[in-house]
Amino acid sequence: MNGIGRLSAYFALFSEIALVFLVTTLAGALAGHWLDGQLGTNPLLVLIGLLGGFGLGAIAVHRLVTRFLAKFED
């Protein structure tokens, strides 16, 4: 792959990493916020949801990077 194609592939990967972290972390925090409102356990479940979302995001990013590197292996 030429330099420009490889550069754009890396840009796409980094954009996807940012989006995955944003979505999973916010989804966990919002789910925790909703559960806190239902159960009255402020801010415990928000923090658990935030950490859970971040953990799921880390797993998803690991899979993305592994798949990306396997594609570009020489």
C-alpha atoms as a PDB file:
ATOM      1  CA  MET A   1       0.000   0.000   0.000  1.00  0.00           C
ATOM      2  CA  ASN A   2       1.327   3.448  -0.845  1.00  0.00           C
ATOM      3  CA  GLY A   3       2.035   6.144   1.727  1.00  0.00           C
ATOM      4  CA  ILE A   4      -1.166   8.122   1.214  1.00  0.00           C
ATOM      5  CA  GLY A   5      -3.361   5.023   1.448  1.00  0.00           C
ATOM      6  CA  ARG A   6      -1.605   3.873   4.588  1.00  0.00           C
ATOM      7  CA  LEU A   7      -1.879   7.347   6.135  1.00  0.00           C
ATOM      8  CA  SER A   8      -5.610   7.501   5.441  1.00  0.00           C
ATOM      9  CA  ALA A   9      -6.048   4.004   6.897  1.00  0.00           C
ATOM     10  CA  TYR A  10      -4.329   5.102  10.115  1.00  0.00           C
ATOM     11  CA  PHE A  11      -6.476   8.239  10.228  1.00  0.00           C
ATOM     12  CA  ALA A  12      -9.607   6.108   9.866  1.00  0.00           C
ATOM     13  CA  LEU A  13      -8.408   3.779  12.632  1.00  0.00           C
ATOM     14  CA  PHE A  14      -7.710   6.643  15.047  1.00  0.00           C
ATOM     15  CA  SER A  15     -11.084   8.206  14.279  1.00  0.00           C
ATOM     16  CA  GLU A  16     -12.821   4.903  14.928  1.00  0.00           C
ATOM     17  CA  ILE A  17     -10.927   4.441  18.201  1.00  0.00           C
ATOM     18  CA  ALA A  18     -12.065   7.864  19.412  1.00  0.00           C
ATOM     19  CA  LEU A  19     -15.661   7.184  18.410  1.00  0.00           C
ATOM     20  CA  VAL A  20     -15.719   3.752  20.080  1.00  0.00           C
ATOM     21  CA  PHE A  21     -14.359   5.140  23.354  1.00  0.00           C
ATOM     22  CA  LEU A  22     -16.818   8.022  23.276  1.00  0.00           C
ATOM     23  CA  VAL A  23     -19.889   5.896  22.579  1.00  0.00           C
ATOM     24  CA  THR A  24     -19.132   3.073  25.015  1.00  0.00           C
ATOM     25  CA  THR A  25     -18.134   5.386  27.863  1.00  0.00           C
ATOM     26  CA  LEU A  26     -21.155   7.639  27.415  1.00  0.00           C
ATOM     27  CA  ALA A  27     -23.512   4.673  27.090  1.00  0.00           C
ATOM     28  CA  GLY A  28     -22.205   3.206  30.344  1.00  0.00           C
ATOM     29  CA  ALA A  29     -22.444   6.525  32.168  1.00  0.00           C
ATOM     30  CA  LEU A  30     -25.958   7.231  30.885  1.00  0.00           C
ATOM     31  CA  ALA A  31     -27.137   3.736  31.789  1.00  0.00           C
ATOM     32  CA  GLY A  32     -25.667   4.200  35.266  1.00  0.00           C
ATOM     33  CA  HIS A  33     -27.333   7.607  35.590  1.00  0.00           C
ATOM     34  CA  TRP A  34     -30.700   6.138  34.629  1.00  0.00           C
ATOM     35  CA  LEU A  35     -30.285   3.269  37.092  1.00  0.00           C
ATOM     36  CA  ASP A  36     -29.256   5.712  39.819  1.00  0.00           C
ATOM     37  CA  GLY A  37     -32.466   7.632  39.206  1.00  0.00           C
ATOM     38  CA  GLN A  38     -34.538   4.450  39.420  1.00  0.00           C
ATOM     39  CA  LEU A  39     -32.821   3.046  42.506  1.00  0.00           C
ATOM     40  CA  GLY A  40     -31.740   6.247  44.280  1.00  0.00           C
ATOM     41  CA  THR A  41     -28.094   5.215  44.562  1.00  0.00           C
ATOM     42  CA  ASN A  42     -26.409   8.455  43.438  1.00  0.00           C
ATOM     43  CA  PRO A  43     -23.501   8.416  42.128  1.00  0.00           C
ATOM     44  CA  LEU A  44     -22.542   4.778  42.604  1.00  0.00           C
ATOM     45  CA  LEU A  45     -23.999   3.301  39.426  1.00  0.00           C
ATOM     46  CA  VAL A  46     -22.816   6.222  37.293  1.00  0.00           C
ATOM     47  CA  LEU A  47     -19.253   5.440  38.298  1.00  0.00           C
ATOM     48  CA  ILE A  48     -19.736   1.713  37.748  1.00  0.00           C
ATOM     49  CA  GLY A  49     -21.319   2.381  34.352  1.00  0.00           C
ATOM     50  CA  LEU A  50     -18.512   4.768  33.439  1.00  0.00           C
ATOM     51  CA  LEU A  51     -15.832   2.230  34.314  1.00  0.00           C
ATOM     52  CA  GLY A  52     -17.744  -0.580  32.626  1.00  0.00           C
ATOM     53  CA  GLY A  53     -18.177   1.464  29.463  1.00  0.00           C
ATOM     54  CA  PHE A  54     -14.499   2.351  29.455  1.00  0.00           C
ATOM     55  CA  GLY A  55     -13.585  -1.311  29.902  1.00  0.00           C
ATOM     56  CA  LEU A  56     -15.838  -2.397  27.046  1.00  0.00           C
ATOM     57  CA  GLY A  57     -14.348   0.372  24.933  1.00  0.00           C
ATOM     58  CA  ALA A  58     -10.845  -0.880  25.679  1.00  0.00           C
ATOM     59  CA  ILE A  59     -11.821  -4.394  24.597  1.00  0.00           C
ATOM     60  CA  ALA A  60     -13.374  -3.065  21.394  1.00  0.00           C
ATOM     61  CA  VAL A  61     -10.299  -0.944  20.632  1.00  0.00           C
ATOM     62  CA  HIS A  62      -8.032  -3.943  21.183  1.00  0.00           C
ATOM     63  CA  ARG A  63     -10.064  -5.903  18.640  1.00  0.00           C
ATOM     64  CA  LEU A  64      -9.974  -3.015  16.162  1.00  0.00           C
ATOM     65  CA  VAL A  65      -6.222  -2.567  16.422  1.00  0.00           C
ATOM     66  CA  THR A  66      -5.554  -6.313  16.228  1.00  0.00           C
ATOM     67  CA  ARG A  67      -7.659  -6.616  13.080  1.00  0.00           C
ATOM     68  CA  PHE A  68      -6.019  -3.518  11.591  1.00  0.00           C
ATOM     69  CA  LEU A  69      -2.481  -4.741  12.244  1.00  0.00           C
ATOM     70  CA  ALA A  70      -3.260  -8.188  10.834  1.00  0.00           C
ATOM     71  CA  LYS A  71      -4.404  -6.540   7.612  1.00  0.00           C
ATOM     72  CA  PHE A  72      -1.182  -4.532   7.250  1.00  0.00           C
ATOM     73  CA  GLU A  73       1.201  -7.317   8.241  1.00  0.00           C
ATOM     74  CA  ASP A  74       3.880  -7.747   5.607  1.00  0.00           C
END
